[in-house]
Amino acid sequence: MAKAQMKTGNPFLDGDFGDFMDFGKMAEQFKVPGVDSKALAESQRKNVEAMTAANKLALEGFQAVAQRQAEILRQVMEETTKVVREMAKPGQPAEKFATQAALVKEAYELSLTNVRELAEMSSKSNTEATEVLAHRISASLDELKGALTHTNGAK
């Protein structure tokens, strides 16, 4: 089906943003005296690249956490099977209670360890993505200052 036939009625979904993302064309359209529009357009291009890189890092982090969660789930299922087998064995009630208590304690400690690991993985991923954006914001502000003072001379 042709692109024109896929209209949804939503201007944000139906719009062709190809020209919008062409920063060179934008620079040509918005020539303002005293402003280096090409430098501003280049800065915006770098901003989009930084957002793309940050999103990629966030996605990779999400995938790593999801993969680790799947591994943890597999381990939990294996351990649960072992526990069920252990509890099905004949024995004295006191022995069974002691075994249950030990198994519950072990499961609890393992759960805490897993939660900490997942939280650290998520935090690391978020920090990496945020650092990319923080560096880009700082550079973008410097570039903006340079673009505004470029043709007016340094102030």
N, C-alpha and C. Protein backbone atom coordinates (compact mmCIF):
# COMPACT_ATOMS: atom_id res chain seq x y z
N MET A 1 0.84 -1.17 0.00
CA MET A 1 0.00 0.00 0.00
C MET A 1 0.89 1.23 0.00
N ALA A 2 0.54 2.24 -0.79
CA ALA A 2 1.33 3.46 -0.88
C ALA A 2 1.22 4.25 0.41
N LYS A 3 2.24 5.07 0.67
CA LYS A 3 2.28 5.84 1.90
C LYS A 3 1.08 6.77 2.01
N ALA A 4 0.67 7.40 0.91
CA ALA A 4 -0.45 8.33 0.93
C ALA A 4 -1.76 7.65 1.33
N GLN A 5 -1.88 6.36 1.08
CA GLN A 5 -3.10 5.63 1.39
C GLN A 5 -3.15 5.19 2.85
N MET A 6 -2.06 5.35 3.57
CA MET A 6 -2.01 4.87 4.95
C MET A 6 -2.30 5.99 5.95
N LYS A 7 -3.02 7.02 5.57
CA LYS A 7 -3.32 8.15 6.45
C LYS A 7 -4.17 7.68 7.62
N THR A 8 -3.82 8.17 8.79
CA THR A 8 -4.55 7.79 10.00
C THR A 8 -5.49 8.89 10.47
N GLY A 9 -5.30 10.10 9.96
CA GLY A 9 -6.08 11.23 10.45
C GLY A 9 -5.36 11.97 11.57
N ASN A 10 -4.28 11.41 12.07
CA ASN A 10 -3.49 12.04 13.11
C ASN A 10 -2.33 12.76 12.44
N PRO A 11 -2.26 14.10 12.55
CA PRO A 11 -1.21 14.84 11.84
C PRO A 11 0.20 14.45 12.29
N PHE A 12 0.34 13.99 13.51
CA PHE A 12 1.66 13.59 13.99
C PHE A 12 2.09 12.26 13.37
N LEU A 13 1.14 11.39 13.09
CA LEU A 13 1.46 10.10 12.49
C LEU A 13 1.51 10.18 10.98
N ASP A 14 0.71 11.06 10.40
CA ASP A 14 0.63 11.15 8.94
C ASP A 14 1.69 12.04 8.32
N GLY A 15 2.33 12.87 9.12
CA GLY A 15 3.27 13.85 8.59
C GLY A 15 4.53 13.20 8.03
N ASP A 16 5.11 13.86 7.04
CA ASP A 16 6.40 13.44 6.49
C ASP A 16 7.45 14.33 7.13
N PHE A 17 8.19 13.76 8.05
CA PHE A 17 9.15 14.54 8.81
C PHE A 17 10.55 14.48 8.22
N GLY A 18 10.66 13.95 7.00
CA GLY A 18 11.97 13.86 6.35
C GLY A 18 12.62 15.22 6.19
N ASP A 19 11.85 16.21 5.70
CA ASP A 19 12.38 17.55 5.54
C ASP A 19 12.63 18.20 6.90
N PHE A 20 11.81 17.87 7.87
CA PHE A 20 11.97 18.43 9.21
C PHE A 20 13.32 18.02 9.80
N MET A 21 13.73 16.80 9.53
CA MET A 21 14.98 16.30 10.09
C MET A 21 16.19 16.68 9.23
N ASP A 22 15.97 17.36 8.10
CA ASP A 22 17.08 17.82 7.27
C ASP A 22 17.53 19.18 7.80
N PHE A 23 18.53 19.14 8.66
CA PHE A 23 18.95 20.35 9.35
C PHE A 23 19.59 21.37 8.41
N GLY A 24 20.14 20.90 7.30
CA GLY A 24 20.69 21.82 6.32
C GLY A 24 19.61 22.69 5.70
N LYS A 25 18.46 22.08 5.36
CA LYS A 25 17.34 22.84 4.81
C LYS A 25 16.79 23.82 5.84
N MET A 26 16.72 23.37 7.07
CA MET A 26 16.23 24.27 8.12
C MET A 26 17.15 25.48 8.25
N ALA A 27 18.44 25.25 8.19
CA ALA A 27 19.40 26.35 8.33
C ALA A 27 19.20 27.37 7.21
N GLU A 28 18.92 26.89 6.00
CA GLU A 28 18.71 27.79 4.87
C GLU A 28 17.43 28.60 5.03
N GLN A 29 16.40 27.99 5.61
CA GLN A 29 15.11 28.66 5.75
C GLN A 29 15.12 29.74 6.83
N PHE A 30 15.92 29.54 7.84
CA PHE A 30 15.88 30.44 8.99
C PHE A 30 17.17 31.23 9.14
N LYS A 31 17.49 31.98 8.09
CA LYS A 31 18.67 32.83 8.15
C LYS A 31 18.32 34.08 8.94
N VAL A 32 18.88 34.16 10.13
CA VAL A 32 18.63 35.30 11.01
C VAL A 32 19.94 36.06 11.14
N PRO A 33 19.89 37.36 10.95
CA PRO A 33 21.13 38.13 11.09
C PRO A 33 21.74 37.95 12.49
N GLY A 34 23.04 37.74 12.51
CA GLY A 34 23.72 37.59 13.78
C GLY A 34 23.70 36.18 14.34
N VAL A 35 23.11 35.26 13.59
CA VAL A 35 23.02 33.88 14.07
C VAL A 35 23.61 32.97 13.00
N ASP A 36 24.52 32.10 13.40
CA ASP A 36 25.11 31.12 12.49
C ASP A 36 24.15 29.94 12.42
N SER A 37 23.21 30.03 11.47
CA SER A 37 22.16 29.02 11.38
C SER A 37 22.71 27.64 11.01
N LYS A 38 23.79 27.61 10.24
CA LYS A 38 24.38 26.31 9.89
C LYS A 38 24.96 25.65 11.14
N ALA A 39 25.58 26.43 12.00
CA ALA A 39 26.13 25.87 13.25
C ALA A 39 25.00 25.38 14.14
N LEU A 40 23.90 26.12 14.19
CA LEU A 40 22.75 25.68 14.98
C LEU A 40 22.17 24.38 14.43
N ALA A 41 22.07 24.30 13.10
CA ALA A 41 21.54 23.09 12.48
C ALA A 41 22.46 21.90 12.76
N GLU A 42 23.76 22.12 12.70
CA GLU A 42 24.72 21.05 12.99
C GLU A 42 24.60 20.62 14.45
N SER A 43 24.40 21.57 15.32
CA SER A 43 24.22 21.26 16.75
C SER A 43 22.97 20.40 16.95
N GLN A 44 21.91 20.73 16.26
CA GLN A 44 20.68 19.95 16.38
C GLN A 44 20.85 18.54 15.83
N ARG A 45 21.62 18.42 14.77
CA ARG A 45 21.92 17.10 14.22
C ARG A 45 22.66 16.26 15.26
N LYS A 46 23.61 16.88 15.94
CA LYS A 46 24.35 16.18 16.99
C LYS A 46 23.43 15.82 18.16
N ASN A 47 22.45 16.67 18.44
CA ASN A 47 21.50 16.38 19.51
C ASN A 47 20.69 15.12 19.18
N VAL A 48 20.26 15.02 17.93
CA VAL A 48 19.50 13.84 17.51
C VAL A 48 20.38 12.59 17.60
N GLU A 49 21.64 12.71 17.20
CA GLU A 49 22.56 11.58 17.31
C GLU A 49 22.73 11.15 18.77
N ALA A 50 22.84 12.14 19.67
CA ALA A 50 23.00 11.82 21.09
C ALA A 50 21.74 11.13 21.63
N MET A 51 20.59 11.60 21.23
CA MET A 51 19.34 10.96 21.66
C MET A 51 19.27 9.53 21.15
N THR A 52 19.69 9.33 19.92
CA THR A 52 19.70 7.99 19.34
C THR A 52 20.66 7.08 20.11
N ALA A 53 21.83 7.60 20.43
CA ALA A 53 22.82 6.81 21.18
C ALA A 53 22.30 6.49 22.58
N ALA A 54 21.68 7.47 23.24
CA ALA A 54 21.14 7.25 24.58
C ALA A 54 20.02 6.21 24.54
N ASN A 55 19.16 6.31 23.55
CA ASN A 55 18.08 5.33 23.41
C ASN A 55 18.63 3.93 23.15
N LYS A 56 19.69 3.84 22.35
CA LYS A 56 20.31 2.55 22.08
C LYS A 56 20.88 1.95 23.37
N LEU A 57 21.55 2.78 24.16
CA LEU A 57 22.10 2.30 25.44
C LEU A 57 20.97 1.83 26.37
N ALA A 58 19.90 2.61 26.42
CA ALA A 58 18.77 2.24 27.28
C ALA A 58 18.15 0.92 26.82
N LEU A 59 17.99 0.75 25.52
CA LEU A 59 17.43 -0.49 24.98
C LEU A 59 18.34 -1.68 25.29
N GLU A 60 19.63 -1.50 25.08
CA GLU A 60 20.58 -2.58 25.38
C GLU A 60 20.52 -2.95 26.86
N GLY A 61 20.41 -1.94 27.72
CA GLY A 61 20.30 -2.20 29.15
C GLY A 61 19.03 -2.94 29.49
N PHE A 62 17.94 -2.53 28.87
CA PHE A 62 16.65 -3.21 29.08
C PHE A 62 16.74 -4.66 28.65
N GLN A 63 17.37 -4.90 27.49
CA GLN A 63 17.51 -6.26 27.00
C GLN A 63 18.36 -7.11 27.93
N ALA A 64 19.44 -6.52 28.47
CA ALA A 64 20.30 -7.26 29.40
C ALA A 64 19.54 -7.62 30.68
N VAL A 65 18.75 -6.68 31.18
CA VAL A 65 17.96 -6.94 32.39
C VAL A 65 16.92 -8.03 32.10
N ALA A 66 16.25 -7.92 30.97
CA ALA A 66 15.24 -8.93 30.61
C ALA A 66 15.87 -10.32 30.46
N GLN A 67 17.05 -10.38 29.86
CA GLN A 67 17.74 -11.66 29.70
C GLN A 67 18.11 -12.23 31.07
N ARG A 68 18.61 -11.37 31.95
CA ARG A 68 18.98 -11.84 33.29
C ARG A 68 17.74 -12.28 34.06
N GLN A 69 16.63 -11.58 33.90
CA GLN A 69 15.39 -12.00 34.56
C GLN A 69 14.96 -13.38 34.08
N ALA A 70 15.11 -13.64 32.80
CA ALA A 70 14.77 -14.96 32.26
C ALA A 70 15.67 -16.03 32.86
N GLU A 71 16.96 -15.72 33.00
CA GLU A 71 17.89 -16.67 33.62
C GLU A 71 17.50 -16.94 35.07
N ILE A 72 17.15 -15.89 35.78
CA ILE A 72 16.74 -16.03 37.19
C ILE A 72 15.48 -16.88 37.28
N LEU A 73 14.53 -16.64 36.40
CA LEU A 73 13.29 -17.42 36.40
C LEU A 73 13.59 -18.90 36.16
N ARG A 74 14.49 -19.19 35.23
CA ARG A 74 14.87 -20.58 34.96
C ARG A 74 15.48 -21.20 36.21
N GLN A 75 16.36 -20.46 36.88
CA GLN A 75 16.99 -20.97 38.10
C GLN A 75 15.95 -21.21 39.20
N VAL A 76 15.01 -20.29 39.32
CA VAL A 76 13.96 -20.43 40.34
C VAL A 76 13.12 -21.67 40.06
N MET A 77 12.79 -21.89 38.80
CA MET A 77 12.00 -23.08 38.45
C MET A 77 12.76 -24.36 38.78
N GLU A 78 14.06 -24.38 38.49
CA GLU A 78 14.87 -25.55 38.81
C GLU A 78 14.92 -25.77 40.33
N GLU A 79 15.12 -24.70 41.07
CA GLU A 79 15.18 -24.81 42.53
C GLU A 79 13.82 -25.23 43.11
N THR A 80 12.76 -24.72 42.55
CA THR A 80 11.42 -25.09 43.03
C THR A 80 11.17 -26.57 42.82
N THR A 81 11.60 -27.09 41.69
CA THR A 81 11.45 -28.52 41.41
C THR A 81 12.22 -29.34 42.45
N LYS A 82 13.43 -28.91 42.76
CA LYS A 82 14.23 -29.61 43.77
C LYS A 82 13.55 -29.57 45.13
N VAL A 83 12.99 -28.41 45.49
CA VAL A 83 12.34 -28.26 46.79
C VAL A 83 11.11 -29.16 46.88
N VAL A 84 10.34 -29.20 45.82
CA VAL A 84 9.14 -30.05 45.82
C VAL A 84 9.53 -31.51 45.99
N ARG A 85 10.59 -31.93 45.29
CA ARG A 85 11.07 -33.31 45.45
C ARG A 85 11.53 -33.57 46.88
N GLU A 86 12.26 -32.61 47.44
CA GLU A 86 12.78 -32.75 48.80
C GLU A 86 11.64 -32.84 49.81
N MET A 87 10.62 -32.03 49.63
CA MET A 87 9.51 -32.01 50.57
C MET A 87 8.61 -33.25 50.42
N ALA A 88 8.67 -33.89 49.26
CA ALA A 88 7.84 -35.08 49.04
C ALA A 88 8.43 -36.33 49.68
N LYS A 89 9.69 -36.24 50.09
CA LYS A 89 10.33 -37.40 50.72
C LYS A 89 9.72 -37.62 52.11
N PRO A 90 9.65 -38.87 52.50
CA PRO A 90 9.10 -39.15 53.83
C PRO A 90 10.08 -38.67 54.92
N GLY A 91 9.52 -38.30 56.05
CA GLY A 91 10.36 -37.87 57.16
C GLY A 91 9.51 -37.40 58.33
N GLN A 92 10.17 -37.09 59.41
CA GLN A 92 9.50 -36.62 60.61
C GLN A 92 9.06 -35.17 60.43
N PRO A 93 7.93 -34.78 61.02
CA PRO A 93 7.44 -33.40 60.89
C PRO A 93 8.48 -32.36 61.33
N ALA A 94 9.21 -32.62 62.40
CA ALA A 94 10.22 -31.66 62.86
C ALA A 94 11.33 -31.50 61.82
N GLU A 95 11.73 -32.60 61.24
CA GLU A 95 12.77 -32.55 60.19
C GLU A 95 12.25 -31.78 58.98
N LYS A 96 11.02 -32.03 58.62
CA LYS A 96 10.42 -31.35 57.47
C LYS A 96 10.35 -29.85 57.72
N PHE A 97 9.94 -29.48 58.92
CA PHE A 97 9.84 -28.05 59.27
C PHE A 97 11.22 -27.39 59.21
N ALA A 98 12.24 -28.04 59.73
CA ALA A 98 13.60 -27.50 59.70
C ALA A 98 14.08 -27.36 58.26
N THR A 99 13.78 -28.35 57.44
CA THR A 99 14.17 -28.29 56.03
C THR A 99 13.45 -27.15 55.32
N GLN A 100 12.15 -27.00 55.59
CA GLN A 100 11.38 -25.91 54.99
C GLN A 100 11.94 -24.56 55.39
N ALA A 101 12.24 -24.40 56.66
CA ALA A 101 12.79 -23.13 57.14
C ALA A 101 14.11 -22.80 56.45
N ALA A 102 14.97 -23.79 56.32
CA ALA A 102 16.25 -23.57 55.65
C ALA A 102 16.05 -23.21 54.17
N LEU A 103 15.13 -23.88 53.53
CA LEU A 103 14.86 -23.61 52.11
C LEU A 103 14.26 -22.21 51.91
N VAL A 104 13.37 -21.82 52.80
CA VAL A 104 12.76 -20.49 52.70
C VAL A 104 13.82 -19.41 52.90
N LYS A 105 14.69 -19.62 53.90
CA LYS A 105 15.77 -18.65 54.15
C LYS A 105 16.68 -18.54 52.94
N GLU A 106 17.06 -19.65 52.37
CA GLU A 106 17.93 -19.66 51.19
C GLU A 106 17.26 -18.96 50.01
N ALA A 107 15.99 -19.25 49.79
CA ALA A 107 15.26 -18.61 48.69
C ALA A 107 15.16 -17.10 48.90
N TYR A 108 14.90 -16.69 50.13
CA TYR A 108 14.80 -15.27 50.45
C TYR A 108 16.13 -14.56 50.16
N GLU A 109 17.23 -15.13 50.62
CA GLU A 109 18.54 -14.52 50.41
C GLU A 109 18.90 -14.45 48.93
N LEU A 110 18.57 -15.51 48.21
CA LEU A 110 18.83 -15.51 46.77
C LEU A 110 17.98 -14.45 46.07
N SER A 111 16.74 -14.29 46.49
CA SER A 111 15.87 -13.27 45.91
C SER A 111 16.44 -11.88 46.13
N LEU A 112 16.92 -11.60 47.34
CA LEU A 112 17.53 -10.30 47.61
C LEU A 112 18.75 -10.06 46.73
N THR A 113 19.56 -11.08 46.58
CA THR A 113 20.75 -10.96 45.73
C THR A 113 20.34 -10.66 44.28
N ASN A 114 19.34 -11.37 43.79
CA ASN A 114 18.87 -11.15 42.42
C ASN A 114 18.28 -9.77 42.23
N VAL A 115 17.51 -9.31 43.19
CA VAL A 115 16.91 -7.97 43.10
C VAL A 115 18.01 -6.91 43.07
N ARG A 116 19.00 -7.07 43.94
CA ARG A 116 20.13 -6.11 43.95
C ARG A 116 20.85 -6.11 42.60
N GLU A 117 21.10 -7.28 42.06
CA GLU A 117 21.79 -7.39 40.77
C GLU A 117 21.00 -6.70 39.67
N LEU A 118 19.70 -6.95 39.61
CA LEU A 118 18.86 -6.33 38.58
C LEU A 118 18.81 -4.81 38.75
N ALA A 119 18.73 -4.36 40.00
CA ALA A 119 18.71 -2.92 40.26
C ALA A 119 20.02 -2.27 39.83
N GLU A 120 21.14 -2.93 40.10
CA GLU A 120 22.44 -2.40 39.69
C GLU A 120 22.56 -2.36 38.17
N MET A 121 22.07 -3.40 37.51
CA MET A 121 22.12 -3.42 36.04
C MET A 121 21.30 -2.27 35.46
N SER A 122 20.11 -2.07 36.00
CA SER A 122 19.24 -0.99 35.52
C SER A 122 19.87 0.37 35.79
N SER A 123 20.41 0.53 36.97
CA SER A 123 21.04 1.80 37.34
C SER A 123 22.22 2.11 36.43
N LYS A 124 23.04 1.11 36.15
CA LYS A 124 24.20 1.31 35.27
C LYS A 124 23.75 1.73 33.88
N SER A 125 22.76 1.06 33.36
CA SER A 125 22.24 1.38 32.04
C SER A 125 21.68 2.80 32.00
N ASN A 126 20.91 3.17 33.00
CA ASN A 126 20.33 4.51 33.05
C ASN A 126 21.42 5.57 33.18
N THR A 127 22.44 5.29 33.97
CA THR A 127 23.54 6.23 34.14
C THR A 127 24.28 6.44 32.83
N GLU A 128 24.55 5.37 32.10
CA GLU A 128 25.25 5.49 30.82
C GLU A 128 24.45 6.33 29.83
N ALA A 129 23.16 6.08 29.75
CA ALA A 129 22.32 6.84 28.81
C ALA A 129 22.24 8.30 29.24
N THR A 130 22.11 8.55 30.53
CA THR A 130 22.01 9.91 31.03
C THR A 130 23.32 10.67 30.80
N GLU A 131 24.45 10.00 30.95
CA GLU A 131 25.74 10.66 30.72
C GLU A 131 25.88 11.12 29.28
N VAL A 132 25.42 10.30 28.34
CA VAL A 132 25.48 10.69 26.93
C VAL A 132 24.68 11.99 26.73
N LEU A 133 23.49 12.04 27.31
CA LEU A 133 22.65 13.23 27.16
C LEU A 133 23.23 14.43 27.89
N ALA A 134 23.78 14.22 29.08
CA ALA A 134 24.35 15.33 29.85
C ALA A 134 25.53 15.95 29.10
N HIS A 135 26.39 15.12 28.53
CA HIS A 135 27.52 15.65 27.77
C HIS A 135 27.03 16.41 26.54
N ARG A 136 26.01 15.87 25.91
CA ARG A 136 25.50 16.53 24.70
C ARG A 136 24.83 17.86 25.05
N ILE A 137 24.10 17.92 26.15
CA ILE A 137 23.46 19.18 26.54
C ILE A 137 24.51 20.24 26.79
N SER A 138 25.57 19.88 27.49
CA SER A 138 26.64 20.82 27.76
C SER A 138 27.28 21.31 26.46
N ALA A 139 27.59 20.38 25.57
CA ALA A 139 28.19 20.76 24.29
C ALA A 139 27.22 21.60 23.47
N SER A 140 25.94 21.25 23.51
CA SER A 140 24.93 21.98 22.74
C SER A 140 24.83 23.43 23.22
N LEU A 141 24.89 23.63 24.52
CA LEU A 141 24.82 24.99 25.05
C LEU A 141 26.05 25.80 24.62
N ASP A 142 27.21 25.16 24.62
CA ASP A 142 28.42 25.84 24.14
C ASP A 142 28.29 26.18 22.65
N GLU A 143 27.75 25.23 21.88
CA GLU A 143 27.56 25.47 20.44
C GLU A 143 26.55 26.58 20.20
N LEU A 144 25.50 26.62 20.99
CA LEU A 144 24.50 27.67 20.85
C LEU A 144 25.12 29.03 21.13
N LYS A 145 25.90 29.11 22.17
CA LYS A 145 26.59 30.37 22.50
C LYS A 145 27.49 30.78 21.35
N GLY A 146 28.23 29.82 20.80
CA GLY A 146 29.12 30.11 19.68
C GLY A 146 28.35 30.55 18.44
N ALA A 147 27.23 29.93 18.16
CA ALA A 147 26.44 30.27 16.97
C ALA A 147 25.83 31.67 17.11
N LEU A 148 25.46 32.05 18.31
CA LEU A 148 24.86 33.36 18.51
C LEU A 148 25.90 34.47 18.54
N THR A 149 27.13 34.16 18.93
CA THR A 149 28.16 35.19 18.98
C THR A 149 29.09 35.15 17.79
N HIS A 150 28.95 34.13 16.95
CA HIS A 150 29.85 33.93 15.81
C HIS A 150 29.89 35.13 14.89
N THR A 151 28.71 35.58 14.47
CA THR A 151 28.66 36.67 13.51
C THR A 151 28.63 38.04 14.19
N ASN A 152 28.33 38.07 15.47
CA ASN A 152 28.31 39.35 16.20
C ASN A 152 29.66 39.63 16.83
N GLY A 153 30.57 38.68 16.78
CA GLY A 153 31.83 38.80 17.49
C GLY A 153 31.67 38.33 18.91
N ALA A 154 32.72 37.85 19.51
CA ALA A 154 32.64 37.33 20.88
C ALA A 154 32.26 38.42 21.85
N LYS A 155 31.41 38.10 22.78
CA LYS A 155 30.96 39.07 23.78
C LYS A 155 31.40 38.65 25.14
